[in-house]
């Protein structure tokens, strides 16, 4: 039984409304549904029958599916097809981190089961409970009535949730073994530089000046804590009844033990504000440009005040975040360039990589000349 046999064009909520951001499973992402059903029933005998399967459209990294039973919704996560970075798409690691965090940080989905091998659907995968709520993507839902006051409150809640995550005791969470000790910043600069070199295609710049600048200007680790690695508004699930309350944080693929300001810098790379140029606006995946949304400088300032951590040398973290984003986009694009995926949505990603190279160079130049780079770009 192929997954497409029981996959509707779009799933529905209990009230008959469609589940947003879901659609038919694409040809290259189909799997053996009968094999999955057998595995799920062995794991939980309460799961009877065959679920309706649809694919979430958000994201271009791991593939995420909705498994819809009559009385229960599950979510399945698996790696994409094609060549992957050696440390990327580790399903067992992503599963384990969320499972460990649940008792001490109740903003993670409940894990259901992990299949670390390829024997069931052809790749490792894990299954978790679906958390219902509102996710802010490119545009806020019309029915949400997102005015400036609510937008600001949501941003403040996001800052506070990140601060709360960074305060978790690594030892209490049982995640100490993920730490590689001091030198996290240096490992990140070296590691992401190597990833870019491995993923580079002929039509993108070398980033040689940016990588050299990061290597020279890297600070010592500020602290060591649990970091998310992909903290964005579109990875936050907001309560339907009160969008100011964050009920879950999704997509823990890049979570680890590391420097909190590196986490903050990576988050701000996605935080596109109203004053950014037209091309940057084209990269926007969350409505951080709307009236009331915090600017990057305001977000960073609130984080500093909330966490009690002074933020110095912000230019480094900002440039690193943009470079890291460029590497992520290039890794995705490389799979298309190598014909390992036929997802036409990523065919122009090389243009974004070129733009981010120019943005990094502008920030570096501004830092070296002691002036602001762009409106609202730096502290």
Protein backbone atom coordinates (compact mmCIF):
# COMPACT_ATOMS: atom_id res chain seq x y z
CA UNK A 1 0.00 0.00 0.00
CA UNK A 2 1.52 3.30 -1.04
CA UNK A 3 0.93 6.32 1.19
CA UNK A 4 -0.81 8.14 -1.64
CA UNK A 5 -3.74 5.72 -1.67
CA UNK A 6 -5.19 7.10 1.55
CA UNK A 7 -3.79 10.62 1.44
CA UNK A 8 -6.40 13.32 0.81
CA UNK A 9 -5.47 16.54 -0.95
CA UNK A 10 -5.85 18.22 2.43
CA UNK A 11 -6.76 16.92 5.89
CA UNK A 12 -9.56 18.42 7.93
CA UNK A 13 -9.92 19.54 11.53
CA UNK A 14 -12.66 17.96 13.67
CA UNK A 15 -14.97 20.85 12.76
CA UNK A 16 -14.49 20.16 9.06
CA UNK A 17 -12.03 23.00 8.47
CA UNK A 18 -8.84 22.09 6.57
CA UNK A 19 -5.61 21.65 8.48
CA UNK A 20 -3.51 24.57 7.34
CA UNK A 21 -0.26 23.97 5.49
CA UNK A 22 -1.04 20.34 4.62
CA UNK A 23 -1.51 18.82 1.20
CA UNK A 24 -1.01 15.70 -0.86
CA UNK A 25 2.20 13.79 -0.27
CA UNK A 26 4.62 14.53 -3.11
CA UNK A 27 5.79 11.66 -5.30
CA UNK A 28 9.37 11.67 -4.04
CA UNK A 29 8.26 11.69 -0.39
CA UNK A 30 5.84 8.75 -0.48
CA UNK A 31 6.42 5.64 1.63
CA UNK A 32 4.92 2.23 2.43
CA UNK A 33 1.89 3.08 4.57
CA UNK A 34 1.07 -0.53 5.41
CA UNK A 35 4.53 -1.00 6.88
CA UNK A 36 4.16 2.15 8.98
CA UNK A 37 0.70 1.12 10.25
CA UNK A 38 2.06 -2.26 11.36
CA UNK A 39 4.92 -0.54 13.22
CA UNK A 40 2.59 1.96 14.91
CA UNK A 41 0.15 -0.72 16.05
CA UNK A 42 2.98 -2.74 17.57
CA UNK A 43 4.02 0.41 19.41
CA UNK A 44 0.53 1.42 20.58
CA UNK A 45 -2.37 -1.02 20.33
CA UNK A 46 -4.78 1.88 20.80
CA UNK A 47 -4.00 2.99 17.26
CA UNK A 48 -6.41 1.06 15.08
CA UNK A 49 -7.15 1.39 11.40
CA UNK A 50 -5.25 3.25 8.72
CA UNK A 51 -4.58 6.97 9.21
CA UNK A 52 -5.14 9.54 6.49
CA UNK A 53 -1.76 10.96 5.55
CA UNK A 54 -0.90 14.41 4.30
CA UNK A 55 2.35 16.36 4.09
CA UNK A 56 3.08 19.68 5.77
CA UNK A 57 4.22 22.23 3.23
CA UNK A 58 6.39 24.32 5.57
CA UNK A 59 10.12 23.74 5.70
CA UNK A 60 12.66 22.51 3.19
CA UNK A 61 14.79 20.29 5.42
CA UNK A 62 13.22 17.31 7.18
CA UNK A 63 9.93 16.02 5.74
CA UNK A 64 6.93 16.26 8.09
CA UNK A 65 3.63 14.39 7.71
CA UNK A 66 0.27 14.54 9.46
CA UNK A 67 -1.16 11.11 10.41
CA UNK A 68 -4.89 11.62 11.00
CA UNK A 69 -6.78 8.99 13.01
CA UNK A 70 -10.48 9.47 13.86
CA UNK A 71 -9.70 10.46 17.45
CA UNK A 72 -5.99 11.35 17.39
CA UNK A 73 -3.45 13.24 15.32
CA UNK A 74 0.19 12.23 15.08
CA UNK A 75 3.10 13.84 13.26
CA UNK A 76 5.90 11.91 11.54
CA UNK A 77 9.33 13.42 10.82
CA UNK A 78 11.91 11.90 8.47
CA UNK A 79 15.00 13.08 6.55
CA UNK A 80 14.82 14.39 2.98
CA UNK A 81 16.11 12.38 0.02
CA UNK A 82 19.59 12.94 -1.36
CA UNK A 83 23.02 13.82 0.03
CA UNK A 84 23.07 15.23 3.56
CA UNK A 85 25.63 16.79 5.86
CA UNK A 86 27.14 14.14 8.11
CA UNK A 87 25.68 15.62 11.30
CA UNK A 88 22.31 16.67 9.84
CA UNK A 89 18.89 15.00 9.96
CA UNK A 90 19.67 12.79 12.97
CA UNK A 91 16.21 11.52 13.89
CA UNK A 92 17.34 9.66 17.01
CA UNK A 93 19.06 12.75 18.36
CA UNK A 94 16.10 15.04 17.66
CA UNK A 95 13.73 12.54 19.30
CA UNK A 96 15.93 12.06 22.33
CA UNK A 97 16.39 15.81 22.98
CA UNK A 98 12.66 16.47 23.00
CA UNK A 99 11.97 13.44 25.15
CA UNK A 100 14.56 14.62 27.68
CA UNK A 101 13.28 18.20 27.73
CA UNK A 102 9.61 17.37 28.29
CA UNK A 103 9.82 16.97 32.11
CA UNK A 104 11.74 20.26 32.56
CA UNK A 105 10.52 22.35 29.65
CA UNK A 106 6.84 21.76 28.87
CA UNK A 107 7.02 23.49 25.48
CA UNK A 108 7.96 20.39 23.48
CA UNK A 109 5.62 17.91 21.76
CA UNK A 110 5.11 14.53 23.41
CA UNK A 111 7.20 11.84 21.73
CA UNK A 112 5.46 8.62 20.64
CA UNK A 113 8.13 6.43 19.07
CA UNK A 114 11.43 6.30 17.20
CA UNK A 115 12.54 4.06 14.34
CA UNK A 116 16.32 4.54 14.00
CA UNK A 117 16.65 2.21 10.99
CA UNK A 118 15.38 2.10 7.40
CA UNK A 119 13.39 -1.11 7.61
CA UNK A 120 9.91 0.45 7.99
CA UNK A 121 9.65 3.33 5.50
CA UNK A 122 13.13 3.44 3.95
CA UNK A 123 14.62 6.08 6.28
CA UNK A 124 14.88 6.64 10.05
CA UNK A 125 11.91 8.55 11.47
CA UNK A 126 10.09 9.43 14.65
CA UNK A 127 6.46 10.05 15.57
CA UNK A 128 5.07 12.57 18.04
CA UNK A 129 1.73 13.89 19.18
CA UNK A 130 0.40 16.81 17.17
CA UNK A 131 0.18 20.07 19.14
CA UNK A 132 -2.75 22.17 17.97
CA UNK A 133 -2.50 25.93 17.86
CA UNK A 134 -1.66 28.84 15.58
CA UNK A 135 1.65 29.04 13.72
CA UNK A 136 2.64 32.39 12.25
CA UNK A 137 4.06 31.92 8.78
CA UNK A 138 4.52 34.47 6.00
CA UNK A 139 1.26 36.25 6.78
CA UNK A 140 -0.74 36.21 10.01
CA UNK A 141 -4.14 34.44 9.77
CA UNK A 142 -6.86 36.97 9.03
CA UNK A 143 -9.09 35.63 11.80
CA UNK A 144 -6.33 36.27 14.34
CA UNK A 145 -6.77 40.06 14.18
CA UNK A 146 -3.08 40.62 14.78
CA UNK A 147 -2.91 44.27 15.78
CA UNK A 148 0.25 46.08 16.91
CA UNK A 149 -0.37 45.41 20.61
CA UNK A 150 -0.85 41.67 20.11
CA UNK A 151 2.15 41.50 17.78
CA UNK A 152 4.37 43.08 20.41
CA UNK A 153 3.05 40.73 23.12
CA UNK A 154 3.79 37.68 20.94
CA UNK A 155 7.34 38.92 20.31
CA UNK A 156 7.89 39.48 24.02
CA UNK A 157 6.60 35.97 24.75
CA UNK A 158 9.02 34.60 22.15
CA UNK A 159 11.98 36.36 23.79
CA UNK A 160 10.94 35.07 27.18
CA UNK A 161 10.54 31.50 25.88
CA UNK A 162 14.06 31.59 24.45
CA UNK A 163 15.37 32.95 27.74
CA UNK A 164 13.51 30.20 29.63
CA UNK A 165 15.07 27.53 27.39
CA UNK A 166 18.55 28.91 27.98
CA UNK A 167 18.02 28.73 31.76
CA UNK A 168 17.32 25.00 31.82
CA UNK A 169 19.81 22.91 33.77
CA UNK A 170 21.65 20.75 31.25
CA UNK A 171 22.34 18.20 33.97
CA UNK A 172 18.74 18.10 35.17
CA UNK A 173 17.57 17.53 31.61
CA UNK A 174 20.01 14.63 31.27
CA UNK A 175 21.68 16.13 28.21
CA UNK A 176 25.21 16.67 29.52
CA UNK A 177 26.64 14.12 27.10
CA UNK A 178 25.70 16.38 24.17
CA UNK A 179 28.24 18.95 25.31
CA UNK A 180 31.68 18.87 23.71
CA UNK A 181 33.07 21.28 26.28
CA UNK A 182 34.47 24.73 25.73
CA UNK A 183 35.21 26.00 22.24
CA UNK A 184 31.63 25.85 20.93
CA UNK A 185 31.95 29.14 19.02
CA UNK A 186 35.17 28.02 17.34
CA UNK A 187 33.67 24.64 16.40
CA UNK A 188 30.65 26.36 14.88
CA UNK A 189 32.72 28.73 12.77
CA UNK A 190 34.94 25.89 11.56
CA UNK A 191 32.06 23.46 11.06
CA UNK A 192 29.74 25.75 9.10
CA UNK A 193 32.65 26.93 6.97
CA UNK A 194 33.43 23.30 6.08
CA UNK A 195 29.78 22.62 5.30
CA UNK A 196 29.64 25.55 2.93
CA UNK A 197 32.75 24.44 1.08
CA UNK A 198 31.27 20.94 0.71
CA UNK A 199 27.92 22.28 -0.53
CA UNK A 200 29.18 25.07 -2.77
CA UNK A 201 28.08 25.06 -6.41
CA UNK A 202 29.58 27.05 -9.27
CA UNK A 203 26.89 29.76 -9.18
CA UNK A 204 27.43 31.03 -5.61
CA UNK A 205 30.30 33.11 -4.14
CA UNK A 206 33.08 31.65 -2.02
CA UNK A 207 32.26 33.51 1.24
CA UNK A 208 36.03 33.52 1.78
CA UNK A 209 36.13 37.00 3.33
CA UNK A 210 33.18 36.26 5.63
CA UNK A 211 34.65 32.97 6.82
CA UNK A 212 38.05 34.56 7.42
CA UNK A 213 36.48 37.46 9.32
CA UNK A 214 34.45 35.11 11.53
CA UNK A 215 37.56 33.06 12.30
CA UNK A 216 39.50 36.16 13.37
CA UNK A 217 36.72 37.91 15.32
CA UNK A 218 35.18 34.97 17.18
CA UNK A 219 34.71 35.57 20.91
CA UNK A 220 35.14 33.07 23.71
CA UNK A 221 32.06 31.07 24.71
CA UNK A 222 29.78 33.18 26.89
CA UNK A 223 28.02 30.21 28.50
CA UNK A 224 26.96 26.63 27.82
CA UNK A 225 23.26 25.77 27.83
CA UNK A 226 20.49 24.03 25.88
CA UNK A 227 19.99 25.91 22.62
CA UNK A 228 17.32 25.36 19.98
CA UNK A 229 19.36 26.22 16.90
CA UNK A 230 16.38 27.20 14.72
CA UNK A 231 14.33 29.54 16.89
CA UNK A 232 11.76 31.36 14.73
CA UNK A 233 8.15 32.50 15.00
CA UNK A 234 7.10 29.85 12.50
CA UNK A 235 8.47 27.17 14.84
CA UNK A 236 6.27 28.38 17.71
CA UNK A 237 2.77 27.05 18.33
CA UNK A 238 0.54 29.73 19.87
CA UNK A 239 -2.54 28.85 21.91
CA UNK A 240 -5.76 29.32 19.89
CA UNK A 241 -7.52 30.98 22.82
CA UNK A 242 -4.61 33.28 23.70
CA UNK A 243 -1.88 33.74 21.04
CA UNK A 244 0.33 35.42 23.63
CA UNK A 245 0.87 31.96 25.17
CA UNK A 246 3.40 29.66 23.48
CA UNK A 247 2.27 26.06 23.92
CA UNK A 248 5.09 24.36 21.99
CA UNK A 249 8.34 24.93 20.12
CA UNK A 250 8.84 22.74 17.07
CA UNK A 251 11.75 21.56 14.90
CA UNK A 252 14.55 20.60 17.31
CA UNK A 253 16.79 19.23 14.57
CA UNK A 254 19.64 21.62 15.38
CA UNK A 255 19.27 21.69 19.16
CA UNK A 256 22.41 21.06 21.19
CA UNK A 257 24.44 22.31 24.13
CA UNK A 258 26.12 25.55 23.15
CA UNK A 259 26.51 29.29 23.47
CA UNK A 260 23.18 31.14 23.94
CA UNK A 261 24.28 34.18 21.92
CA UNK A 262 25.00 31.94 18.95
CA UNK A 263 21.38 30.78 19.26
CA UNK A 264 20.23 34.38 19.40
CA UNK A 265 22.31 35.37 16.38
CA UNK A 266 20.91 32.47 14.37
CA UNK A 267 17.35 33.46 15.33
CA UNK A 268 17.88 37.06 14.26
CA UNK A 269 19.01 35.96 10.78
CA UNK A 270 15.38 35.00 10.13
CA UNK A 271 13.97 38.09 11.85
CA UNK A 272 13.19 40.30 8.85
CA UNK A 273 11.82 43.68 9.84
CA UNK A 274 9.92 46.41 8.02
CA UNK A 275 13.04 48.50 7.34
CA UNK A 276 14.88 45.71 5.50
CA UNK A 277 15.40 45.96 1.76
CA UNK A 278 13.16 44.39 -0.88
CA UNK A 279 15.28 41.27 -1.42
CA UNK A 280 15.46 40.56 2.31
CA UNK A 281 11.68 40.84 2.42
CA UNK A 282 11.49 38.13 -0.24
CA UNK A 283 13.24 35.76 2.19
CA UNK A 284 10.72 36.42 4.94
CA UNK A 285 8.90 33.35 6.34
CA UNK A 286 7.31 34.95 9.40
CA UNK A 287 5.33 38.19 9.82
CA UNK A 288 8.02 40.05 11.75
CA UNK A 289 7.58 43.06 9.45
CA UNK A 290 4.11 43.95 10.77
CA UNK A 291 3.36 46.96 13.01
CA UNK A 292 4.10 46.20 16.64
CA UNK A 293 6.67 43.49 15.95
CA UNK A 294 9.97 44.02 17.73
CA UNK A 295 12.94 45.00 15.63
CA UNK A 296 16.08 42.89 15.88
CA UNK A 297 17.67 45.47 18.14
CA UNK A 298 14.61 45.48 20.42
CA UNK A 299 14.51 41.68 20.52
CA UNK A 300 18.19 41.47 21.45
CA UNK A 301 17.85 44.21 24.07
CA UNK A 302 14.91 42.45 25.73
CA UNK A 303 16.81 39.17 25.69
CA UNK A 304 19.80 40.81 27.34
CA UNK A 305 17.60 42.33 30.05
CA UNK A 306 15.57 39.15 30.57
CA UNK A 307 18.57 36.82 30.69
CA UNK A 308 20.91 39.17 32.53
CA UNK A 309 23.56 38.49 29.89
CA UNK A 310 25.50 41.49 28.53
CA UNK A 311 25.77 41.41 24.76
CA UNK A 312 29.06 42.60 23.34
CA UNK A 313 30.51 42.15 19.86
CA UNK A 314 26.99 41.74 18.44
CA UNK A 315 28.32 42.20 14.89
CA UNK A 316 30.00 38.77 15.12
CA UNK A 317 26.79 36.97 16.13
CA UNK A 318 24.78 38.81 13.48
CA UNK A 319 27.23 37.99 10.67
CA UNK A 320 27.51 34.39 11.86
CA UNK A 321 23.72 34.01 11.87
CA UNK A 322 23.44 35.26 8.29
CA UNK A 323 26.36 33.10 7.12
CA UNK A 324 24.87 30.04 8.80
CA UNK A 325 21.53 30.74 7.10
CA UNK A 326 23.33 30.98 3.76
CA UNK A 327 24.93 27.58 4.37
CA UNK A 328 21.57 26.01 5.25
CA UNK A 329 19.99 27.42 2.08
CA UNK A 330 22.96 26.29 -0.02
CA UNK A 331 22.78 22.75 1.38
CA UNK A 332 19.13 22.58 0.38
CA UNK A 333 19.85 24.06 -3.04
CA UNK A 334 22.73 21.66 -3.65
CA UNK A 335 20.34 18.70 -3.53
CA UNK A 336 18.29 20.32 -6.30
CA UNK A 337 21.42 21.27 -8.26
CA UNK A 338 22.60 17.65 -8.06
CA UNK A 339 19.12 16.42 -9.15
CA UNK A 340 18.65 14.60 -5.85
CA UNK A 341 15.33 16.37 -5.40
CA UNK A 342 12.92 17.84 -7.95
CA UNK A 343 11.33 20.38 -5.62
CA UNK A 344 11.13 23.42 -7.90
CA UNK A 345 10.42 25.66 -4.92
CA UNK A 346 14.17 25.66 -4.17
CA UNK A 347 15.50 26.10 -7.72
CA UNK A 348 16.31 29.81 -7.17
CA UNK A 349 17.82 29.43 -3.70
CA UNK A 350 21.27 30.20 -5.11
CA UNK A 351 20.13 33.82 -5.53
CA UNK A 352 19.39 34.02 -1.80
CA UNK A 353 22.89 32.70 -1.05
CA UNK A 354 24.42 35.41 -3.24
CA UNK A 355 22.34 38.07 -1.51
CA UNK A 356 23.32 36.86 1.96
CA UNK A 357 26.97 37.01 0.96
CA UNK A 358 26.56 40.70 0.10
CA UNK A 359 24.68 41.34 3.34
CA UNK A 360 27.46 39.73 5.39
CA UNK A 361 30.06 41.83 3.60
CA UNK A 362 28.09 45.04 4.23
CA UNK A 363 27.88 44.26 7.94
CA UNK A 364 31.58 43.45 8.12
CA UNK A 365 32.47 46.65 6.30
CA UNK A 366 30.22 48.71 8.59
CA UNK A 367 31.73 47.08 11.69
CA UNK A 368 35.26 47.79 10.54
CA UNK A 369 34.37 51.42 9.82
CA UNK A 370 32.49 51.81 13.09
CA UNK A 371 29.13 52.79 11.61
CA UNK A 372 25.63 51.21 11.42
CA UNK A 373 25.27 48.86 8.48
CA UNK A 374 21.58 49.27 7.65
CA UNK A 375 18.52 50.60 9.41
CA UNK A 376 17.97 48.42 12.44
CA UNK A 377 20.55 45.86 11.38
CA UNK A 378 22.82 46.14 14.39
CA UNK A 379 22.68 47.22 18.00
